[in-house]
C-alpha atoms as a PDB file:
ATOM      1  CA  MET A   1       0.088  -0.132  -0.072  1.00  0.00           C
ATOM      2  CA  THR A   2       3.056   2.246  -0.289  1.00  0.00           C
ATOM      3  CA  GLY A   3       2.270   5.535  -1.989  1.00  0.00           C
ATOM      4  CA  GLU A   4      -1.493   5.466  -1.761  1.00  0.00           C
ATOM      5  CA  ILE A   5      -3.097   7.504   0.621  1.00  0.00           C
ATOM      6  CA  CYS A   6      -6.260   6.427   2.437  1.00  0.00           C
ATOM      7  CA  PRO A   7      -8.702   9.715   3.082  1.00  0.00           C
ATOM      8  CA  VAL A   8     -10.075   8.434   5.929  1.00  0.00           C
ATOM      9  CA  PRO A   9      -9.677   9.733   9.780  1.00  0.00           C
ATOM     10  CA  THR A  10      -8.231   7.148  12.093  1.00  0.00           C
ATOM     11  CA  ALA A  11      -6.746   6.621  15.452  1.00  0.00           C
ATOM     12  CA  ALA A  12      -3.255   7.290  14.253  1.00  0.00           C
ATOM     13  CA  ALA A  13      -4.928  10.445  13.436  1.00  0.00           C
ATOM     14  CA  GLY A  14      -6.300  11.270  16.804  1.00  0.00           C
ATOM     15  CA  PHE A  15      -9.674   9.354  16.524  1.00  0.00           C
ATOM     16  CA  PRO A  16     -10.719   7.207  19.034  1.00  0.00           C
ATOM     17  CA  THR A  17     -11.331   3.614  17.778  1.00  0.00           C
ATOM     18  CA  ARG A  18     -13.515   2.332  20.530  1.00  0.00           C
ATOM     19  CA  ARG A  19     -16.283   4.009  22.564  1.00  0.00           C
ATOM     20  CA  PRO A  20     -17.325   3.162  26.269  1.00  0.00           C
ATOM     21  CA  ALA A  21     -20.604   1.054  26.271  1.00  0.00           C
ATOM     22  CA  GLN A  22     -23.452   3.590  26.227  1.00  0.00           C
ATOM     23  CA  PRO A  23     -26.805   3.438  24.619  1.00  0.00           C
ATOM     24  CA  SER A  24     -26.849   4.991  21.504  1.00  0.00           C
ATOM     25  CA  ALA A  25     -28.588   4.951  18.083  1.00  0.00           C
ATOM     26  CA  PRO A  26     -27.598   1.232  16.966  1.00  0.00           C
ATOM     27  CA  ALA A  27     -24.527   1.566  14.659  1.00  0.00           C
ATOM     28  CA  SER A  28     -23.802   5.160  14.804  1.00  0.00           C
ATOM     29  CA  SER A  29     -20.261   4.840  16.043  1.00  0.00           C
ATOM     30  CA  ALA A  30     -18.471   3.180  13.716  1.00  0.00           C
ATOM     31  CA  TRP A  31     -17.904   4.719  10.183  1.00  0.00           C
ATOM     32  CA  SER A  32     -19.228   2.814   6.889  1.00  0.00           C
ATOM     33  CA  ALA A  33     -18.255   3.347   3.449  1.00  0.00           C
ATOM     34  CA  ASP A  34     -18.591   1.637   0.216  1.00  0.00           C
ATOM     35  CA  ALA A  35     -15.496   0.127  -0.888  1.00  0.00           C
ATOM     36  CA  THR A  36     -15.577  -0.384  -4.522  1.00  0.00           C
ATOM     37  CA  THR A  37     -12.540   1.608  -6.149  1.00  0.00           C
ATOM     38  CA  THR A  38      -9.249   0.179  -6.617  1.00  0.00           C
ATOM     39  CA  GLY A  39      -7.451   1.301  -3.442  1.00  0.00           C
ATOM     40  CA  TRP A  40     -10.282   1.267  -1.344  1.00  0.00           C
ATOM     41  CA  PRO A  41     -10.533  -2.339  -0.441  1.00  0.00           C
ATOM     42  CA  ARG A  42      -7.022  -2.527   0.820  1.00  0.00           C
ATOM     43  CA  CYS A  43      -7.486   0.804   2.228  1.00  0.00           C
ATOM     44  CA  TRP A  44     -10.438  -0.206   4.441  1.00  0.00           C
ATOM     45  CA  ALA A  45      -8.822  -3.493   5.203  1.00  0.00           C
ATOM     46  CA  ARG A  46      -5.735  -1.846   7.345  1.00  0.00           C
ATOM     47  CA  LEU A  47      -8.444   0.910   8.982  1.00  0.00           C
ATOM     48  CA  ASN A  48     -10.798  -1.723   9.835  1.00  0.00           C
ATOM     49  CA  ASP A  49     -11.299  -2.928  13.509  1.00  0.00           C
ATOM     50  CA  GLU A  50     -12.521  -6.521  13.352  1.00  0.00           C
ATOM     51  CA  GLN A  51     -14.172  -6.267  17.108  1.00  0.00           C
ATOM     52  CA  THR A  52     -15.912  -2.934  16.353  1.00  0.00           C
ATOM     53  CA  MET A  53     -17.093  -4.651  13.070  1.00  0.00           C
ATOM     54  CA  ARG A  54     -18.579  -7.664  14.837  1.00  0.00           C
ATOM     55  CA  GLU A  55     -20.350  -5.121  17.199  1.00  0.00           C
ATOM     56  CA  VAL A  56     -21.568  -2.968  14.915  1.00  0.00           C
ATOM     57  CA  THR A  57     -22.751  -5.830  12.692  1.00  0.00           C
ATOM     58  CA  ALA A  58     -25.268  -7.381  15.665  1.00  0.00           C
ATOM     59  CA  GLU A  59     -26.668  -3.767  15.711  1.00  0.00           C
ATOM     60  CA  ARG A  60     -27.092  -3.167  12.268  1.00  0.00           C
ATOM     61  CA  VAL A  61     -28.786  -6.843  11.748  1.00  0.00           C
ATOM     62  CA  MET A  62     -31.072  -5.521  14.675  1.00  0.00           C
ATOM     63  CA  LEU A  63     -31.912  -2.164  13.098  1.00  0.00           C
ATOM     64  CA  HIS A  64     -32.598  -3.992  10.088  1.00  0.00           C
ATOM     65  CA  ALA A  65     -35.254  -6.570  11.163  1.00  0.00           C
ATOM     66  CA  LEU A  66     -36.934  -4.063  13.631  1.00  0.00           C
ATOM     67  CA  ARG A  67     -37.809  -1.725  10.290  1.00  0.00           C
ATOM     68  CA  GLY A  68     -37.575   1.312  12.494  1.00  0.00           C
ATOM     69  CA  HIS A  69     -37.495   4.520  10.675  1.00  0.00           C
ATOM     70  CA  ARG A  70     -35.612   8.124  11.165  1.00  0.00           C
ATOM     71  CA  ASN A  71     -38.008   8.946  14.138  1.00  0.00           C
ATOM     72  CA  SER A  72     -37.739   5.641  15.552  1.00  0.00           C
ATOM     73  CA  PRO A  73     -36.630   5.901  19.273  1.00  0.00           C
ATOM     74  CA  ILE A  74     -34.523   2.679  19.408  1.00  0.00           C
ATOM     75  CA  ALA A  75     -31.198   2.139  21.473  1.00  0.00           C
ATOM     76  CA  SER A  76     -28.270  -0.361  21.407  1.00  0.00           C
ATOM     77  CA  CYS A  77     -25.604  -0.915  23.745  1.00  0.00           C
ATOM     78  CA  ARG A  78     -23.072  -3.740  21.988  1.00  0.00           C
ATOM     79  CA  VAL A  79     -19.802  -4.948  23.728  1.00  0.00           C
ATOM     80  CA  THR A  80     -17.287  -7.645  23.725  1.00  0.00           C
ATOM     81  CA  GLU A  81     -17.629  -9.155  27.215  1.00  0.00           C
ATOM     82  CA  PRO A  82     -14.000  -9.650  28.882  1.00  0.00           C
ATOM     83  CA  ASP A  83     -14.306 -13.536  27.883  1.00  0.00           C
ATOM     84  CA  GLY A  84     -14.543 -12.439  24.193  1.00  0.00           C
ATOM     85  CA  GLN A  85     -18.749 -12.926  24.083  1.00  0.00           C
ATOM     86  CA  LEU A  86     -20.547 -10.386  21.964  1.00  0.00           C
ATOM     87  CA  SER A  87     -23.303  -8.520  24.245  1.00  0.00           C
ATOM     88  CA  LEU A  88     -26.222  -6.719  22.844  1.00  0.00           C
ATOM     89  CA  ARG A  89     -28.628  -4.845  24.785  1.00  0.00           C
ATOM     90  CA  GLY A  90     -31.686  -2.827  22.392  1.00  0.00           C
ATOM     91  CA  MET A  91     -34.592  -1.020  23.631  1.00  0.00           C
ATOM     92  CA  VAL A  92     -37.396   0.589  21.272  1.00  0.00           C
ATOM     93  CA  PHE A  93     -39.381   3.430  23.252  1.00  0.00           C
ATOM     94  CA  ASP A  94     -42.837   5.299  22.522  1.00  0.00           C
ATOM     95  CA  ARG A  95     -42.498   9.413  22.085  1.00  0.00           C
ATOM     96  CA  ASP A  96     -42.720   9.951  26.010  1.00  0.00           C
ATOM     97  CA  GLY A  97     -41.153   6.960  27.123  1.00  0.00           C
ATOM     98  CA  SER A  98     -43.955   5.380  29.094  1.00  0.00           C
ATOM     99  CA  ARG A  99     -43.916   2.385  26.947  1.00  0.00           C
ATOM    100  CA  PHE A 100     -41.088   0.575  25.999  1.00  0.00           C
ATOM    101  CA  VAL A 101     -39.505  -2.961  25.413  1.00  0.00           C
ATOM    102  CA  HIS A 102     -35.984  -4.019  26.259  1.00  0.00           C
ATOM    103  CA  ALA A 103     -34.231  -7.285  25.100  1.00  0.00           C
ATOM    104  CA  HIS A 104     -30.461  -8.655  26.071  1.00  0.00           C
ATOM    105  CA  ARG A 105     -28.554 -11.687  24.712  1.00  0.00           C
ATOM    106  CA  ARG A 106     -25.138 -12.591  24.376  1.00  0.00           C
ATOM    107  CA  GLY A 107     -23.114 -14.477  21.388  1.00  0.00           C
ATOM    108  CA  GLU A 108     -23.146 -17.755  23.073  1.00  0.00           C
ATOM    109  CA  GLU A 109     -21.379 -20.899  21.597  1.00  0.00           C
ATOM    110  CA  ARG A 110     -20.653 -19.508  18.293  1.00  0.00           C
ATOM    111  CA  ASN A 111     -20.495 -15.480  18.654  1.00  0.00           C
ATOM    112  CA  ASP A 112     -22.487 -14.705  15.413  1.00  0.00           C
ATOM    113  CA  PRO A 113     -22.463 -11.303  15.468  1.00  0.00           C
ATOM    114  CA  ALA A 114     -25.657 -11.418  12.735  1.00  0.00           C
ATOM    115  CA  ALA A 115     -27.371 -14.326  14.872  1.00  0.00           C
ATOM    116  CA  LEU A 116     -27.216 -12.313  18.221  1.00  0.00           C
ATOM    117  CA  GLY A 117     -28.923  -9.315  16.038  1.00  0.00           C
ATOM    118  CA  ALA A 118     -31.412 -11.005  14.703  1.00  0.00           C
ATOM    119  CA  ARG A 119     -31.916 -12.918  18.229  1.00  0.00           C
ATOM    120  CA  VAL A 120     -32.525  -9.513  20.339  1.00  0.00           C
ATOM    121  CA  ALA A 121     -34.340  -8.105  17.140  1.00  0.00           C
ATOM    122  CA  ALA A 122     -37.073 -11.256  17.743  1.00  0.00           C
ATOM    123  CA  GLU A 123     -37.064 -10.585  21.010  1.00  0.00           C
ATOM    124  CA  LEU A 124     -38.334  -6.978  20.794  1.00  0.00           C
ATOM    125  CA  LEU A 125     -40.766  -8.009  18.310  1.00  0.00           C
ATOM    126  CA  ARG A 126     -42.455 -10.331  20.602  1.00  0.00           C
ATOM    127  CA  GLN A 127     -42.689  -7.612  23.345  1.00  0.00           C
ATOM    128  CA  GLY A 128     -44.268  -5.429  20.902  1.00  0.00           C
ATOM    129  CA  ALA A 129     -41.910  -3.566  19.361  1.00  0.00           C
ATOM    130  CA  ARG A 130     -43.453  -3.243  15.900  1.00  0.00           C
ATOM    131  CA  ASP A 131     -46.569  -1.631  17.578  1.00  0.00           C
ATOM    132  CA  ILE A 132     -44.467   1.130  19.136  1.00  0.00           C
ATOM    133  CA  ILE A 133     -42.355   1.845  16.037  1.00  0.00           C
ATOM    134  CA  GLU A 134     -45.776   1.731  13.828  1.00  0.00           C
ATOM    135  CA  GLY A 135     -47.087   4.318  16.320  1.00  0.00           C
ATOM    136  CA  ILE A 136     -44.623   6.863  15.856  1.00  0.00           C
ATOM    137  CA  PRO A 137     -45.296   9.319  13.011  1.00  0.00           C
ATOM    138  CA  HIS A 138     -42.712   9.276  10.473  1.00  0.00           C
END
């Protein structure tokens, strides 16, 4: 990759690559890009943090399965535990916070981030997340 420029802020430029575990908009604490040009795939591979990618994948799968919209109060907190297990908490709230659903799962044996995100979303939907999301104007 010598001589190539990778125009993306990185930890080396003083930007943090890890953030404290706190509820946030799902997958909002990670950067994303479509690496379609010749130099970009190698560039992104060098910048990618595998742990962050796994955590964000769990959040993105959960968010996709919930089919939220930009006004949907959906929160998540994902973290890799000291034992290496991925953990994901998800919540869906109504506008005034009087009604909410909550789910928490760990990666368990395979520690598959997509399966984890799908399990958390399924639990939220089972508890009524779809009704809450649909009750909020777009």
